[in-house]
Amino acid sequence: MPFIVSRVNKKIDDSDKEKLRAGYIEKIERILGKPRSYIMLDIQDNCTLFPKGENQPAAYIEANIYGNRNNTGYAQLSQEVTDMFNEILNIPSENIFINFQDIPGFSIDGNFF
């Protein structure tokens, strides 16, 4: 199960949130082979983030992913998510931070994996 938390320090309108949602789903399914039914997304705007200690547009993304201890696809996903945030929200790529974490187990619908 991928659980992706995205925090940005600017307002995101509903149209751009939808573009991010659709982009995440397409990339996770294609690159990681994870089914849509297991994807959870949290997109937060107006967060307090100071990249390099400065007041600049920024994104901090936590990608919590189950069952990928070899980090397969992370480099490609990282590049494509960075490009997506740059294109949709005009956040400079050097201010987009992504933290990948392997989840050893998770539960959905009362079932533990």
C-alpha atoms as a PDB file:
ATOM      1  CA  MET A   1       0.000   0.000   0.000  1.00  0.00           C
ATOM      2  CA  PRO A   2       1.450   3.324  -0.980  1.00  0.00           C
ATOM      3  CA  PHE A   3       0.495   6.151   1.372  1.00  0.00           C
ATOM      4  CA  ILE A   4       1.760   9.426  -0.024  1.00  0.00           C
ATOM      5  CA  VAL A   5       1.647  12.603   2.069  1.00  0.00           C
ATOM      6  CA  SER A   6       2.384  15.793   0.154  1.00  0.00           C
ATOM      7  CA  ARG A   7       2.865  19.131   1.894  1.00  0.00           C
ATOM      8  CA  VAL A   8       3.330  22.383   0.016  1.00  0.00           C
ATOM      9  CA  ASN A   9       3.710  25.922   1.313  1.00  0.00           C
ATOM     10  CA  LYS A  10       1.269  27.515  -1.101  1.00  0.00           C
ATOM     11  CA  LYS A  11      -2.459  27.310  -1.863  1.00  0.00           C
ATOM     12  CA  ILE A  12      -3.493  24.527  -4.247  1.00  0.00           C
ATOM     13  CA  ASP A  13      -6.779  24.992  -6.078  1.00  0.00           C
ATOM     14  CA  ASP A  14      -9.122  22.033  -6.584  1.00  0.00           C
ATOM     15  CA  SER A  15      -8.193  21.658 -10.246  1.00  0.00           C
ATOM     16  CA  ASP A  16      -4.499  21.294  -9.410  1.00  0.00           C
ATOM     17  CA  LYS A  17      -5.270  18.881  -6.555  1.00  0.00           C
ATOM     18  CA  GLU A  18      -7.119  16.717  -9.060  1.00  0.00           C
ATOM     19  CA  LYS A  19      -4.155  16.840 -11.461  1.00  0.00           C
ATOM     20  CA  LEU A  20      -1.826  15.760  -8.640  1.00  0.00           C
ATOM     21  CA  ARG A  21      -4.205  12.971  -7.565  1.00  0.00           C
ATOM     22  CA  ALA A  22      -4.530  11.621 -11.099  1.00  0.00           C
ATOM     23  CA  GLY A  23      -0.796  11.954 -11.699  1.00  0.00           C
ATOM     24  CA  TYR A  24       0.103  10.083  -8.527  1.00  0.00           C
ATOM     25  CA  ILE A  25      -2.273   7.230  -9.324  1.00  0.00           C
ATOM     26  CA  GLU A  26      -0.999   6.853 -12.880  1.00  0.00           C
ATOM     27  CA  LYS A  27       2.665   6.903 -11.794  1.00  0.00           C
ATOM     28  CA  ILE A  28       2.269   4.526  -8.843  1.00  0.00           C
ATOM     29  CA  GLU A  29       0.330   1.994 -10.908  1.00  0.00           C
ATOM     30  CA  ARG A  30       2.740   2.193 -13.872  1.00  0.00           C
ATOM     31  CA  ILE A  31       6.090   2.456 -12.064  1.00  0.00           C
ATOM     32  CA  LEU A  32       5.519   0.488  -8.854  1.00  0.00           C
ATOM     33  CA  GLY A  33       2.795  -1.854 -10.084  1.00  0.00           C
ATOM     34  CA  LYS A  34       0.610  -1.062  -7.067  1.00  0.00           C
ATOM     35  CA  PRO A  35      -3.166  -1.259  -7.630  1.00  0.00           C
ATOM     36  CA  ARG A  36      -5.296   1.862  -7.331  1.00  0.00           C
ATOM     37  CA  SER A  37      -7.456   0.153  -4.709  1.00  0.00           C
ATOM     38  CA  TYR A  38      -4.520   0.223  -2.240  1.00  0.00           C
ATOM     39  CA  ILE A  39      -3.339   3.802  -2.854  1.00  0.00           C
ATOM     40  CA  MET A  40      -3.943   6.485  -0.205  1.00  0.00           C
ATOM     41  CA  LEU A  41      -3.084  10.131  -0.888  1.00  0.00           C
ATOM     42  CA  ASP A  42      -2.979  13.162   1.405  1.00  0.00           C
ATOM     43  CA  ILE A  43      -2.365  16.518  -0.292  1.00  0.00           C
ATOM     44  CA  GLN A  44      -1.913  19.401   2.136  1.00  0.00           C
ATOM     45  CA  ASP A  45      -1.506  23.020   1.115  1.00  0.00           C
ATOM     46  CA  ASN A  46      -0.562  26.217   2.965  1.00  0.00           C
ATOM     47  CA  CYS A  47       1.981  24.361   5.127  1.00  0.00           C
ATOM     48  CA  THR A  48       4.866  26.142   6.793  1.00  0.00           C
ATOM     49  CA  LEU A  49       7.976  25.003   4.917  1.00  0.00           C
ATOM     50  CA  PHE A  50      11.250  26.888   4.526  1.00  0.00           C
ATOM     51  CA  PRO A  51      13.548  25.172   2.020  1.00  0.00           C
ATOM     52  CA  LYS A  52      17.181  25.981   2.753  1.00  0.00           C
ATOM     53  CA  GLY A  53      15.818  28.176   5.561  1.00  0.00           C
ATOM     54  CA  GLU A  54      14.288  30.566   3.021  1.00  0.00           C
ATOM     55  CA  ASN A  55      10.739  31.640   2.204  1.00  0.00           C
ATOM     56  CA  GLN A  56      10.442  29.988  -1.230  1.00  0.00           C
ATOM     57  CA  PRO A  57       7.876  27.665  -2.845  1.00  0.00           C
ATOM     58  CA  ALA A  58       8.510  24.127  -1.613  1.00  0.00           C
ATOM     59  CA  ALA A  59       7.092  20.622  -1.331  1.00  0.00           C
ATOM     60  CA  TYR A  60       7.865  17.889   1.183  1.00  0.00           C
ATOM     61  CA  ILE A  61       6.612  14.458   0.187  1.00  0.00           C
ATOM     62  CA  GLU A  62       6.556  11.295   2.289  1.00  0.00           C
ATOM     63  CA  ALA A  63       6.217   8.154   0.191  1.00  0.00           C
ATOM     64  CA  ASN A  64       5.393   5.256   2.513  1.00  0.00           C
ATOM     65  CA  ILE A  65       5.393   2.084   0.443  1.00  0.00           C
ATOM     66  CA  TYR A  66       4.795  -1.527   1.451  1.00  0.00           C
ATOM     67  CA  GLY A  67       6.705  -4.421  -0.063  1.00  0.00           C
ATOM     68  CA  ASN A  68       9.518  -2.685  -1.934  1.00  0.00           C
ATOM     69  CA  ARG A  69      12.641  -3.211   0.161  1.00  0.00           C
ATOM     70  CA  ASN A  70      14.862  -3.110  -2.927  1.00  0.00           C
ATOM     71  CA  ASN A  71      13.596   0.406  -3.747  1.00  0.00           C
ATOM     72  CA  THR A  72      12.607  -0.721  -7.249  1.00  0.00           C
ATOM     73  CA  GLY A  73      11.277   2.214  -9.258  1.00  0.00           C
ATOM     74  CA  TYR A  74      12.035   4.858  -6.631  1.00  0.00           C
ATOM     75  CA  ALA A  75      14.491   6.800  -8.819  1.00  0.00           C
ATOM     76  CA  GLN A  76      11.992   6.972 -11.705  1.00  0.00           C
ATOM     77  CA  LEU A  77       9.082   7.811  -9.386  1.00  0.00           C
ATOM     78  CA  SER A  78      11.179  10.503  -7.717  1.00  0.00           C
ATOM     79  CA  GLN A  79      11.971  12.178 -11.032  1.00  0.00           C
ATOM     80  CA  GLU A  80       8.411  11.980 -12.339  1.00  0.00           C
ATOM     81  CA  VAL A  81       6.846  13.292  -9.108  1.00  0.00           C
ATOM     82  CA  THR A  82       9.375  16.128  -9.006  1.00  0.00           C
ATOM     83  CA  ASP A  83       8.526  17.013 -12.615  1.00  0.00           C
ATOM     84  CA  MET A  84       4.800  16.830 -11.815  1.00  0.00           C
ATOM     85  CA  PHE A  85       5.057  19.261  -8.879  1.00  0.00           C
ATOM     86  CA  ASN A  86       7.257  21.589 -10.929  1.00  0.00           C
ATOM     87  CA  GLU A  87       4.860  21.589 -13.884  1.00  0.00           C
ATOM     88  CA  ILE A  88       1.559  21.822 -11.970  1.00  0.00           C
ATOM     89  CA  LEU A  89       2.560  24.037  -9.028  1.00  0.00           C
ATOM     90  CA  ASN A  90       5.663  25.800 -10.388  1.00  0.00           C
ATOM     91  CA  ILE A  91       7.782  24.630  -7.462  1.00  0.00           C
ATOM     92  CA  PRO A  92      11.490  24.590  -8.364  1.00  0.00           C
ATOM     93  CA  SER A  93      12.831  21.043  -8.447  1.00  0.00           C
ATOM     94  CA  GLU A  94      15.586  21.949  -5.956  1.00  0.00           C
ATOM     95  CA  ASN A  95      12.833  22.733  -3.421  1.00  0.00           C
ATOM     96  CA  ILE A  96      11.002  19.408  -3.776  1.00  0.00           C
ATOM     97  CA  PHE A  97      12.075  16.939  -1.091  1.00  0.00           C
ATOM     98  CA  ILE A  98      10.904  13.310  -1.201  1.00  0.00           C
ATOM     99  CA  ASN A  99      11.368  10.873   1.681  1.00  0.00           C
ATOM    100  CA  PHE A 100      10.839   7.207   0.746  1.00  0.00           C
ATOM    101  CA  GLN A 101      10.064   4.747   3.528  1.00  0.00           C
ATOM    102  CA  ASP A 102       9.502   1.013   3.355  1.00  0.00           C
ATOM    103  CA  ILE A 103       6.511  -0.156   5.397  1.00  0.00           C
ATOM    104  CA  PRO A 104       7.063  -3.632   6.894  1.00  0.00           C
ATOM    105  CA  GLY A 105       3.325  -4.236   7.323  1.00  0.00           C
ATOM    106  CA  PHE A 106      -0.049  -2.544   6.995  1.00  0.00           C
ATOM    107  CA  SER A 107      -3.747  -3.213   7.412  1.00  0.00           C
ATOM    108  CA  ILE A 108      -6.647  -2.416   5.129  1.00  0.00           C
ATOM    109  CA  ASP A 109     -10.269  -3.463   5.615  1.00  0.00           C
ATOM    110  CA  GLY A 110      -9.212  -5.276   8.789  1.00  0.00           C
ATOM    111  CA  ASN A 111      -6.712  -7.460   6.935  1.00  0.00           C
ATOM    112  CA  PHE A 112      -3.037  -7.316   7.939  1.00  0.00           C
ATOM    113  CA  PHE A 113      -0.385  -7.707   5.287  1.00  0.00           C
END
